[in-house]
Each structure stands twice: as C-alpha cells, then as structure tokens.
C-alpha atoms as a PDB file:
ATOM      1  CA  MET A   1      85.297 293.767 -42.370  1.00  0.00           C
ATOM      2  CA  HIS A   2      83.754 291.666 -40.574  1.00  0.00           C
ATOM      3  CA  THR A   3      86.653 289.135 -40.210  1.00  0.00           C
ATOM      4  CA  LYS A   4      89.033 292.099 -38.979  1.00  0.00           C
ATOM      5  CA  ALA A   5      86.675 293.182 -36.090  1.00  0.00           C
ATOM      6  CA  MET A   6      86.547 289.742 -34.997  1.00  0.00           C
ATOM      7  CA  VAL A   7      90.347 289.111 -34.937  1.00  0.00           C
ATOM      8  CA  LEU A   8      90.825 292.552 -33.563  1.00  0.00           C
ATOM      9  CA  SER A   9      88.367 291.329 -30.526  1.00  0.00           C
ATOM     10  CA  VAL A  10      89.848 288.061 -30.375  1.00  0.00           C
ATOM     11  CA  SER A  11      93.197 289.337 -30.126  1.00  0.00           C
ATOM     12  CA  LEU A  12      92.088 291.863 -27.329  1.00  0.00           C
ATOM     13  CA  LEU A  13      91.029 289.178 -24.840  1.00  0.00           C
ATOM     14  CA  SER A  14      94.253 286.939 -25.611  1.00  0.00           C
ATOM     15  CA  LEU A  15      96.371 289.983 -25.074  1.00  0.00           C
ATOM     16  CA  SER A  16      94.747 291.633 -22.172  1.00  0.00           C
ATOM     17  CA  LEU A  17      93.688 287.852 -20.058  1.00  0.00           C
ATOM     18  CA  PHE A  18      95.943 285.686 -21.612  1.00  0.00           C
ATOM     19  CA  ALA A  19      93.979 282.174 -21.523  1.00  0.00           C
ATOM     20  CA  ASN A  20      92.066 283.356 -18.132  1.00  0.00           C
ATOM     21  CA  PRO A  21      88.305 282.942 -19.008  1.00  0.00           C
ATOM     22  CA  SER A  22      87.477 283.910 -15.186  1.00  0.00           C
ATOM     23  CA  ALA A  23      89.194 287.180 -15.113  1.00  0.00           C
ATOM     24  CA  VAL A  24      87.209 287.788 -19.006  1.00  0.00           C
ATOM     25  CA  ARG A  25      83.933 287.262 -16.944  1.00  0.00           C
ATOM     26  CA  ALA A  26      84.989 289.447 -13.471  1.00  0.00           C
ATOM     27  CA  GLU A  27      85.959 292.189 -16.077  1.00  0.00           C
ATOM     28  CA  SER A  28      82.796 292.406 -18.157  1.00  0.00           C
ATOM     29  CA  THR A  29      81.099 292.264 -14.913  1.00  0.00           C
ATOM     30  CA  ALA A  30      82.664 294.686 -12.788  1.00  0.00           C
ATOM     31  CA  ASP A  31      82.462 297.249 -15.479  1.00  0.00           C
ATOM     32  CA  ASP A  32      78.817 296.448 -16.599  1.00  0.00           C
ATOM     33  CA  THR A  33      78.090 297.150 -12.665  1.00  0.00           C
ATOM     34  CA  HIS A  34      79.491 300.087 -11.968  1.00  0.00           C
ATOM     35  CA  ALA A  35      78.054 302.066 -15.261  1.00  0.00           C
ATOM     36  CA  ARG A  36      74.745 300.524 -14.323  1.00  0.00           C
ATOM     37  CA  SER A  37      74.746 301.468 -10.166  1.00  0.00           C
ATOM     38  CA  GLY A  38      76.496 305.250 -11.083  1.00  0.00           C
ATOM     39  CA  ASN A  39      78.033 303.919  -7.840  1.00  0.00           C
ATOM     40  CA  ARG A  40      75.381 305.871  -5.327  1.00  0.00           C
ATOM     41  CA  GLN A  41      78.188 306.454  -2.325  1.00  0.00           C
ATOM     42  CA  PHE A  42      79.353 309.423  -4.356  1.00  0.00           C
ATOM     43  CA  GLU A  43      75.893 310.766  -5.361  1.00  0.00           C
ATOM     44  CA  TYR A  44      75.565 313.616  -2.598  1.00  0.00           C
ATOM     45  CA  HIS A  45      79.471 314.688  -1.841  1.00  0.00           C
ATOM     46  CA  GLN A  46      80.120 318.272  -2.724  1.00  0.00           C
ATOM     47  CA  LYS A  47      82.122 318.956  -5.871  1.00  0.00           C
ATOM     48  CA  PRO A  48      85.873 320.071  -5.422  1.00  0.00           C
ATOM     49  CA  GLY A  49      86.208 323.716  -6.403  1.00  0.00           C
ATOM     50  CA  ALA A  50      88.341 325.776  -9.018  1.00  0.00           C
ATOM     51  CA  GLU A  51      91.037 326.131  -6.698  1.00  0.00           C
ATOM     52  CA  ALA A  52      91.060 322.244  -5.935  1.00  0.00           C
ATOM     53  CA  ASP A  53      94.201 320.557  -7.263  1.00  0.00           C
ATOM     54  CA  THR A  54      93.735 318.236 -10.550  1.00  0.00           C
ATOM     55  CA  VAL A  55      94.600 314.773 -11.110  1.00  0.00           C
ATOM     56  CA  VAL A  56      94.219 313.740 -14.569  1.00  0.00           C
ATOM     57  CA  ILE A  57      92.919 309.948 -14.428  1.00  0.00           C
ATOM     58  CA  LEU A  58      94.631 307.634 -17.671  1.00  0.00           C
ATOM     59  CA  HIS A  59      93.082 303.927 -18.491  1.00  0.00           C
ATOM     60  CA  GLY A  60      95.090 300.902 -19.155  1.00  0.00           C
ATOM     61  CA  LEU A  61      94.832 298.839 -22.847  1.00  0.00           C
ATOM     62  CA  GLY A  62      91.795 298.532 -24.429  1.00  0.00           C
ATOM     63  CA  ARG A  63      89.606 300.451 -22.259  1.00  0.00           C
ATOM     64  CA  ASN A  64      87.860 304.012 -22.256  1.00  0.00           C
ATOM     65  CA  ARG A  65      87.239 306.650 -19.636  1.00  0.00           C
ATOM     66  CA  SER A  66      84.401 305.028 -18.231  1.00  0.00           C
ATOM     67  CA  ALA A  67      87.073 302.535 -16.631  1.00  0.00           C
ATOM     68  CA  MET A  68      88.456 304.907 -14.292  1.00  0.00           C
ATOM     69  CA  TRP A  69      85.022 306.341 -13.122  1.00  0.00           C
ATOM     70  CA  THR A  70      84.707 304.903  -9.656  1.00  0.00           C
ATOM     71  CA  LEU A  71      88.457 306.142  -8.612  1.00  0.00           C
ATOM     72  CA  ALA A  72      87.914 309.584 -10.197  1.00  0.00           C
ATOM     73  CA  LYS A  73      84.622 309.944  -7.660  1.00  0.00           C
ATOM     74  CA  ARG A  74      86.811 308.627  -5.234  1.00  0.00           C
ATOM     75  CA  LEU A  75      89.581 311.330  -5.663  1.00  0.00           C
ATOM     76  CA  GLU A  76      86.769 313.663  -6.221  1.00  0.00           C
ATOM     77  CA  VAL A  77      85.282 312.871  -2.472  1.00  0.00           C
ATOM     78  CA  ALA A  78      88.596 313.488  -1.301  1.00  0.00           C
ATOM     79  CA  GLY A  79      88.228 316.844  -2.650  1.00  0.00           C
ATOM     80  CA  TYR A  80      90.514 317.207  -6.324  1.00  0.00           C
ATOM     81  CA  ARG A  81      89.329 317.849  -9.174  1.00  0.00           C
ATOM     82  CA  THR A  82      89.388 315.195 -11.981  1.00  0.00           C
ATOM     83  CA  GLU A  83      89.888 314.920 -15.553  1.00  0.00           C
ATOM     84  CA  ARG A  84      89.873 311.751 -16.964  1.00  0.00           C
ATOM     85  CA  PHE A  85      91.713 311.171 -20.001  1.00  0.00           C
ATOM     86  CA  GLY A  86      90.516 308.822 -22.892  1.00  0.00           C
ATOM     87  CA  TYR A  87      92.702 307.513 -26.117  1.00  0.00           C
ATOM     88  CA  ARG A  88      92.365 304.898 -28.684  1.00  0.00           C
ATOM     89  CA  SER A  89      95.008 301.774 -27.414  1.00  0.00           C
ATOM     90  CA  LEU A  90      94.803 299.569 -30.019  1.00  0.00           C
ATOM     91  CA  GLN A  91      94.828 302.163 -33.378  1.00  0.00           C
ATOM     92  CA  GLN A  92      97.353 305.097 -32.360  1.00  0.00           C
ATOM     93  CA  SER A  93     100.851 305.402 -31.370  1.00  0.00           C
ATOM     94  CA  PRO A  94     102.048 306.205 -28.400  1.00  0.00           C
ATOM     95  CA  GLU A  95     103.571 309.588 -29.603  1.00  0.00           C
ATOM     96  CA  GLU A  96      99.664 310.121 -30.921  1.00  0.00           C
ATOM     97  CA  ILE A  97      98.504 309.706 -27.527  1.00  0.00           C
ATOM     98  CA  VAL A  98     101.155 311.590 -26.115  1.00  0.00           C
ATOM     99  CA  SER A  99     100.350 314.199 -28.212  1.00  0.00           C
ATOM    100  CA  ARG A 100      96.445 313.992 -27.282  1.00  0.00           C
ATOM    101  CA  LEU A 101      97.209 314.151 -23.291  1.00  0.00           C
ATOM    102  CA  GLY A 102      99.330 317.513 -24.299  1.00  0.00           C
ATOM    103  CA  ALA A 103      96.325 319.301 -25.941  1.00  0.00           C
ATOM    104  CA  GLN A 104      93.982 317.610 -23.025  1.00  0.00           C
ATOM    105  CA  VAL A 105      96.191 318.793 -20.311  1.00  0.00           C
ATOM    106  CA  ALA A 106      96.719 322.317 -21.694  1.00  0.00           C
ATOM    107  CA  ALA A 107      92.788 322.683 -21.903  1.00  0.00           C
ATOM    108  CA  CYS A 108      91.837 321.593 -18.669  1.00  0.00           C
ATOM    109  CA  CYS A 109      94.715 322.952 -16.603  1.00  0.00           C
ATOM    110  CA  ALA A 110      96.742 326.031 -18.376  1.00  0.00           C
ATOM    111  CA  GLY A 111      97.117 329.163 -16.194  1.00  0.00           C
ATOM    112  CA  THR A 112      95.917 327.536 -13.178  1.00  0.00           C
ATOM    113  CA  GLU A 113      98.133 327.886  -9.896  1.00  0.00           C
ATOM    114  CA  SER A 114      96.771 324.942  -8.327  1.00  0.00           C
ATOM    115  CA  LYS A 115      98.842 321.282  -8.645  1.00  0.00           C
ATOM    116  CA  VAL A 116      98.310 319.126 -11.795  1.00  0.00           C
ATOM    117  CA  HIS A 117      99.039 315.330 -10.347  1.00  0.00           C
ATOM    118  CA  PHE A 118      98.716 312.115 -12.452  1.00  0.00           C
ATOM    119  CA  VAL A 119      97.481 308.974 -11.729  1.00  0.00           C
ATOM    120  CA  GLY A 120      97.702 305.792 -14.426  1.00  0.00           C
ATOM    121  CA  HIS A 121      96.513 302.215 -14.473  1.00  0.00           C
ATOM    122  CA  SER A 122      98.688 299.930 -16.447  1.00  0.00           C
ATOM    123  CA  LEU A 123      99.389 301.214 -19.899  1.00  0.00           C
ATOM    124  CA  GLY A 124      98.047 304.784 -18.726  1.00  0.00           C
ATOM    125  CA  GLY A 125     101.258 304.828 -16.349  1.00  0.00           C
ATOM    126  CA  LEU A 126     103.439 304.432 -18.821  1.00  0.00           C
ATOM    127  CA  ILE A 127     101.672 307.620 -21.609  1.00  0.00           C
ATOM    128  CA  ALA A 128     101.875 309.691 -17.838  1.00  0.00           C
ATOM    129  CA  ARG A 129     105.451 308.875 -17.805  1.00  0.00           C
ATOM    130  CA  ALA A 130     105.938 309.265 -21.001  1.00  0.00           C
ATOM    131  CA  TYR A 131     104.183 312.990 -21.579  1.00  0.00           C
ATOM    132  CA  LEU A 132     105.914 313.997 -17.898  1.00  0.00           C
ATOM    133  CA  ALA A 133     109.557 312.916 -19.907  1.00  0.00           C
ATOM    134  CA  LYS A 134     108.736 315.863 -22.721  1.00  0.00           C
ATOM    135  CA  HIS A 135     106.215 318.275 -21.100  1.00  0.00           C
ATOM    136  CA  LYS A 136     107.755 319.953 -17.634  1.00  0.00           C
ATOM    137  CA  LEU A 137     104.751 321.416 -15.906  1.00  0.00           C
ATOM    138  CA  PRO A 138     105.551 324.357 -13.433  1.00  0.00           C
ATOM    139  CA  ASN A 139     102.839 323.273 -11.042  1.00  0.00           C
ATOM    140  CA  LEU A 140     103.383 319.810 -11.328  1.00  0.00           C
ATOM    141  CA  GLY A 141     102.192 317.741  -8.205  1.00  0.00           C
ATOM    142  CA  ARG A 142     102.428 314.175  -7.088  1.00  0.00           C
ATOM    143  CA  VAL A 143     102.007 311.024  -9.703  1.00  0.00           C
ATOM    144  CA  VAL A 144     101.028 307.174  -8.864  1.00  0.00           C
ATOM    145  CA  LEU A 145     101.248 304.611 -11.489  1.00  0.00           C
ATOM    146  CA  LEU A 146      98.778 301.386 -10.320  1.00  0.00           C
ATOM    147  CA  GLY A 147      99.749 298.095 -12.256  1.00  0.00           C
ATOM    148  CA  THR A 148     102.022 299.615 -14.715  1.00  0.00           C
ATOM    149  CA  PRO A 149     104.447 297.352 -16.627  1.00  0.00           C
ATOM    150  CA  ASN A 150     107.624 300.168 -15.800  1.00  0.00           C
ATOM    151  CA  GLN A 151     109.738 297.601 -17.230  1.00  0.00           C
ATOM    152  CA  GLY A 152     107.928 296.246 -20.275  1.00  0.00           C
ATOM    153  CA  SER A 153     104.970 293.555 -20.333  1.00  0.00           C
ATOM    154  CA  GLU A 154     106.582 289.841 -19.837  1.00  0.00           C
ATOM    155  CA  LEU A 155     103.068 288.509 -21.583  1.00  0.00           C
ATOM    156  CA  ALA A 156     104.251 291.436 -24.953  1.00  0.00           C
ATOM    157  CA  ASP A 157     107.638 289.096 -24.970  1.00  0.00           C
ATOM    158  CA  ALA A 158     105.852 285.790 -25.012  1.00  0.00           C
ATOM    159  CA  TYR A 159     103.144 286.647 -27.445  1.00  0.00           C
ATOM    160  CA  GLN A 160     104.707 288.918 -29.715  1.00  0.00           C
ATOM    161  CA  ASN A 161     104.690 286.106 -32.859  1.00  0.00           C
ATOM    162  CA  LYS A 162     101.097 285.054 -32.562  1.00  0.00           C
ATOM    163  CA  TRP A 163      99.325 285.508 -35.888  1.00  0.00           C
ATOM    164  CA  TRP A 164      96.922 288.019 -34.017  1.00  0.00           C
ATOM    165  CA  PHE A 165      99.691 290.504 -32.226  1.00  0.00           C
ATOM    166  CA  GLU A 166      99.647 292.426 -35.774  1.00  0.00           C
ATOM    167  CA  TYR A 167      96.504 292.973 -34.545  1.00  0.00           C
ATOM    168  CA  LEU A 168      96.670 295.405 -31.727  1.00  0.00           C
ATOM    169  CA  GLY A 169      98.036 298.356 -33.001  1.00  0.00           C
ATOM    170  CA  PRO A 170     101.277 300.001 -32.661  1.00  0.00           C
ATOM    171  CA  THR A 171     101.567 300.960 -28.791  1.00  0.00           C
ATOM    172  CA  VAL A 172     101.048 297.383 -28.048  1.00  0.00           C
ATOM    173  CA  LYS A 173     104.077 296.287 -30.398  1.00  0.00           C
ATOM    174  CA  GLN A 174     106.088 298.464 -28.017  1.00  0.00           C
ATOM    175  CA  LEU A 175     105.391 296.730 -24.767  1.00  0.00           C
ATOM    176  CA  GLY A 176     108.239 294.934 -24.463  1.00  0.00           C
ATOM    177  CA  THR A 177     111.253 294.395 -22.279  1.00  0.00           C
ATOM    178  CA  THR A 178     113.503 295.448 -24.441  1.00  0.00           C
ATOM    179  CA  ASP A 179     115.571 298.635 -24.972  1.00  0.00           C
ATOM    180  CA  GLY A 180     113.863 299.424 -27.760  1.00  0.00           C
ATOM    181  CA  GLY A 181     110.282 299.235 -26.163  1.00  0.00           C
ATOM    182  CA  LEU A 182     108.249 302.569 -24.420  1.00  0.00           C
ATOM    183  CA  ALA A 183     109.030 301.419 -20.874  1.00  0.00           C
ATOM    184  CA  GLY A 184     112.765 300.897 -21.586  1.00  0.00           C
ATOM    185  CA  SER A 185     112.506 304.491 -23.901  1.00  0.00           C
ATOM    186  CA  LEU A 186     111.643 306.423 -20.829  1.00  0.00           C
ATOM    187  CA  PRO A 187     113.496 308.783 -18.343  1.00  0.00           C
ATOM    188  CA  LYS A 188     114.409 308.420 -14.504  1.00  0.00           C
ATOM    189  CA  PRO A 189     111.486 310.353 -12.803  1.00  0.00           C
ATOM    190  CA  ASP A 190     112.076 314.103 -11.329  1.00  0.00           C
ATOM    191  CA  TYR A 191     109.295 314.251 -10.259  1.00  0.00           C
ATOM    192  CA  PRO A 192     107.936 312.224  -6.834  1.00  0.00           C
ATOM    193  CA  VAL A 193     106.400 309.201  -8.252  1.00  0.00           C
ATOM    194  CA  GLY A 194     104.191 306.369  -6.518  1.00  0.00           C
ATOM    195  CA  VAL A 195     104.101 302.753  -7.438  1.00  0.00           C
ATOM    196  CA  ILE A 196     101.123 300.439  -6.482  1.00  0.00           C
ATOM    197  CA  ALA A 197     101.534 297.090  -7.754  1.00  0.00           C
ATOM    198  CA  GLY A 198      98.807 294.174  -7.030  1.00  0.00           C
ATOM    199  CA  ALA A 199      99.137 290.143  -6.068  1.00  0.00           C
ATOM    200  CA  ARG A 200      96.664 287.494  -6.075  1.00  0.00           C
ATOM    201  CA  SER A 201      96.688 284.126  -4.852  1.00  0.00           C
ATOM    202  CA  GLY A 202      96.674 282.441  -8.594  1.00  0.00           C
ATOM    203  CA  ARG A 203      99.056 280.866  -9.945  1.00  0.00           C
ATOM    204  CA  GLU A 204      97.850 279.961 -13.359  1.00  0.00           C
ATOM    205  CA  ASN A 205     100.025 282.017 -15.474  1.00  0.00           C
ATOM    206  CA  GLU A 206     103.681 281.072 -13.835  1.00  0.00           C
ATOM    207  CA  ASP A 207     105.179 279.797 -17.224  1.00  0.00           C
ATOM    208  CA  VAL A 208     105.182 283.594 -18.608  1.00  0.00           C
ATOM    209  CA  LEU A 209     104.428 285.695 -15.199  1.00  0.00           C
ATOM    210  CA  PRO A 210     106.875 284.236 -12.708  1.00  0.00           C
ATOM    211  CA  GLY A 211     106.837 285.174  -9.444  1.00  0.00           C
ATOM    212  CA  GLN A 212     103.891 287.705  -7.681  1.00  0.00           C
ATOM    213  CA  ASP A 213     101.551 289.306 -10.474  1.00  0.00           C
ATOM    214  CA  ASP A 214      98.209 290.573 -10.320  1.00  0.00           C
ATOM    215  CA  GLY A 215      97.092 288.556 -13.601  1.00  0.00           C
ATOM    216  CA  LEU A 216      98.600 290.458 -16.326  1.00  0.00           C
ATOM    217  CA  VAL A 217     101.771 292.237 -14.774  1.00  0.00           C
ATOM    218  CA  THR A 218     104.468 290.981 -12.296  1.00  0.00           C
ATOM    219  CA  VAL A 219     105.182 292.713  -8.818  1.00  0.00           C
ATOM    220  CA  SER A 220     108.989 293.350 -10.912  1.00  0.00           C
ATOM    221  CA  SER A 221     107.700 294.847 -13.697  1.00  0.00           C
ATOM    222  CA  THR A 222     106.159 297.881 -11.357  1.00  0.00           C
ATOM    223  CA  LYS A 223     109.384 298.305 -10.161  1.00  0.00           C
ATOM    224  CA  PHE A 224     112.119 301.137 -11.490  1.00  0.00           C
ATOM    225  CA  ALA A 225     114.731 303.628 -10.806  1.00  0.00           C
ATOM    226  CA  GLY A 226     113.922 306.634  -9.334  1.00  0.00           C
ATOM    227  CA  MET A 227     110.124 306.027  -7.835  1.00  0.00           C
ATOM    228  CA  THR A 228     109.755 307.243  -4.478  1.00  0.00           C
ATOM    229  CA  ASP A 229     107.888 304.787  -2.799  1.00  0.00           C
ATOM    230  CA  PHE A 230     106.101 301.589  -3.454  1.00  0.00           C
ATOM    231  CA  MET A 231     103.411 298.950  -1.827  1.00  0.00           C
ATOM    232  CA  VAL A 232     101.729 295.917  -2.954  1.00  0.00           C
ATOM    233  CA  MET A 233      98.520 295.328  -2.774  1.00  0.00           C
ATOM    234  CA  PRO A 234      96.130 291.911  -2.786  1.00  0.00           C
ATOM    235  CA  THR A 235      94.633 292.834  -5.483  1.00  0.00           C
ATOM    236  CA  SER A 236      93.637 291.826  -9.601  1.00  0.00           C
ATOM    237  CA  HIS A 237      95.039 294.230 -12.596  1.00  0.00           C
ATOM    238  CA  TRP A 238      91.542 294.540 -13.090  1.00  0.00           C
ATOM    239  CA  GLU A 239      90.155 294.467  -9.330  1.00  0.00           C
ATOM    240  CA  MET A 240      92.608 297.566  -8.263  1.00  0.00           C
ATOM    241  CA  ARG A 241      91.147 300.508 -10.402  1.00  0.00           C
ATOM    242  CA  TYR A 242      87.573 299.073  -8.513  1.00  0.00           C
ATOM    243  CA  SER A 243      89.221 299.292  -5.018  1.00  0.00           C
ATOM    244  CA  GLU A 244      88.540 301.326  -2.194  1.00  0.00           C
ATOM    245  CA  PRO A 245      91.483 300.472  -0.275  1.00  0.00           C
ATOM    246  CA  VAL A 246      93.739 301.320  -3.425  1.00  0.00           C
ATOM    247  CA  ALA A 247      92.165 304.685  -3.670  1.00  0.00           C
ATOM    248  CA  ALA A 248      92.693 305.439  -0.709  1.00  0.00           C
ATOM    249  CA  GLN A 249      96.391 305.067  -0.779  1.00  0.00           C
ATOM    250  CA  VAL A 250      96.307 306.763  -3.737  1.00  0.00           C
ATOM    251  CA  VAL A 251      94.891 310.112  -1.978  1.00  0.00           C
ATOM    252  CA  ASN A 252      97.542 309.540   0.597  1.00  0.00           C
ATOM    253  CA  PHE A 253     100.281 309.583  -1.872  1.00  0.00           C
ATOM    254  CA  LEU A 254      98.887 312.922  -3.311  1.00  0.00           C
ATOM    255  CA  LYS A 255      98.857 314.616  -0.258  1.00  0.00           C
ATOM    256  CA  THR A 256     101.940 313.383   1.319  1.00  0.00           C
ATOM    257  CA  GLY A 257     104.062 311.956  -0.875  1.00  0.00           C
ATOM    258  CA  GLN A 258     104.257 308.803   0.412  1.00  0.00           C
ATOM    259  CA  PHE A 259     101.817 305.258   1.162  1.00  0.00           C
ATOM    260  CA  GLU A 260     100.802 304.470   4.494  1.00  0.00           C
ATOM    261  CA  LYS A 261     102.049 301.094   5.317  1.00  0.00           C
ATOM    262  CA  ASN A 262     100.255 300.578   8.370  1.00  0.00           C
ATOM    263  CA  ARG A 263      96.751 301.356   6.860  1.00  0.00           C
END
C-alpha cells in the first residue's frame, strides 16, 4: 500500500506539472496560502438570495473543491449562488463523475426557475461538457471553460507510455487527443460557452506543448467548434483559478454572453 501511494504521488506530480519544479512550489504555496488566510477580502459581502442564479463550479485533475474557493467567493460577490462540485479524478471514470455531478445538480437546482451556469477549470470543463451532453436543463444559463483541453491533452499523448501512467486512473487515460478520448467524444454545444486560455512567457515544454500554452494546456487545444467567445489571458494554468482579472471575465460572460476584450 505504501509503495502504491508513493507511485501515485510521483505519477500525479509528473502528469500535472511535467518536470516543472517551480510550478510544483507555486501550486502548493498558492493553495496553502488561500486555505490559511480565508481570503478576507470576501469576508463581509452579502450572501446572494435564494432567487439568484446558481453557478456550478468544477475543479481540475488531482484537485478538490477547495481549489475553486477563491473563484466561488468572487462569483458570490458578483451576486451568484455557487455550488462547488468535488470528485475523485484519479479514481473515478468520466461516467462515474458525470453521474455524481447529475445527482448534485438535481439536489441543488431542481425546481428552481433561476438560471444554472457552469464554470469548469481544466478537466472540470470537459466534465461539464460531458454532463450537458447527456442532460438538458430547461434553465441552463451559460458555460465558461478555463484552461480546458477541448481538443485533448498533448501531454497525455506524450506520456501515455510511461510506466506510471497506468496508476493515474481511468479518466486520465481518456485525456489524449484521439477521437476515442473524452474530448473527442463530446458533441458541439447547443448552449453559450466562453473559453479562456492562459498564456505564459516560459517555453520550457516546447517539445511537447508547441506554441502558446499555460504550462499544461496549449492555447490551440482550448479552442473548439461551437464556442461562443474566446479569450487569451496572461496567466498560468494554476494561477487562473486565483486571478481577479480572470474572475472578472467569467462574470462578464455569465452576465452578457461575451468577454470584455478591452478590460
């Protein structure tokens, strides 16, 4: 058991951060700082009422609900109710995750006349799309995808033959760019969806991430047929969850159906 846990830890770090030790430190520091501080800038805002629109927020690979706490609070300040969906990305299949999401959406939002929006970071965006492909919500609002590999992950392609890849679970195995992967199986959306891609200055992963990227997902991979609006922002894959400008663009799309390009 100890050996398996150790292998899983090494594997997750390898897949998520891909030989980028500075990103490991930045990610850990950011999560710890936000968890300890409670982010006091949000402490005294008025809670949205029951009639407010709801935003279902989904985290990415290897994270949990707390990873989206800051974005959730910013959306609450903007007047939205929020539901942070947690799932076990390294143990569950996409089908199992989508089933659990369906149960949570039914529990939080069934019978409400207010709009239900979705915001997904990275893998969370694919899970949101997979859920909406199977469930037609009469009160569906808008969807925002943050750093989501909508064309599949080039990194999953590059590392699929590594010995540790087998330990990352059924969902990770479906993150490649092939037609049989999760991204390739999803239909064109019939709802408004905005896509935010991150672009950073570093180019150390150019051999496996050609062109602009956020450190984990290429800008080109975030684009897909049927998206309503698209925007590239100067942020990394991990930092966009905490970015105030990114949160402002999310709010703008949820309210208007487009990003504010001159902000």
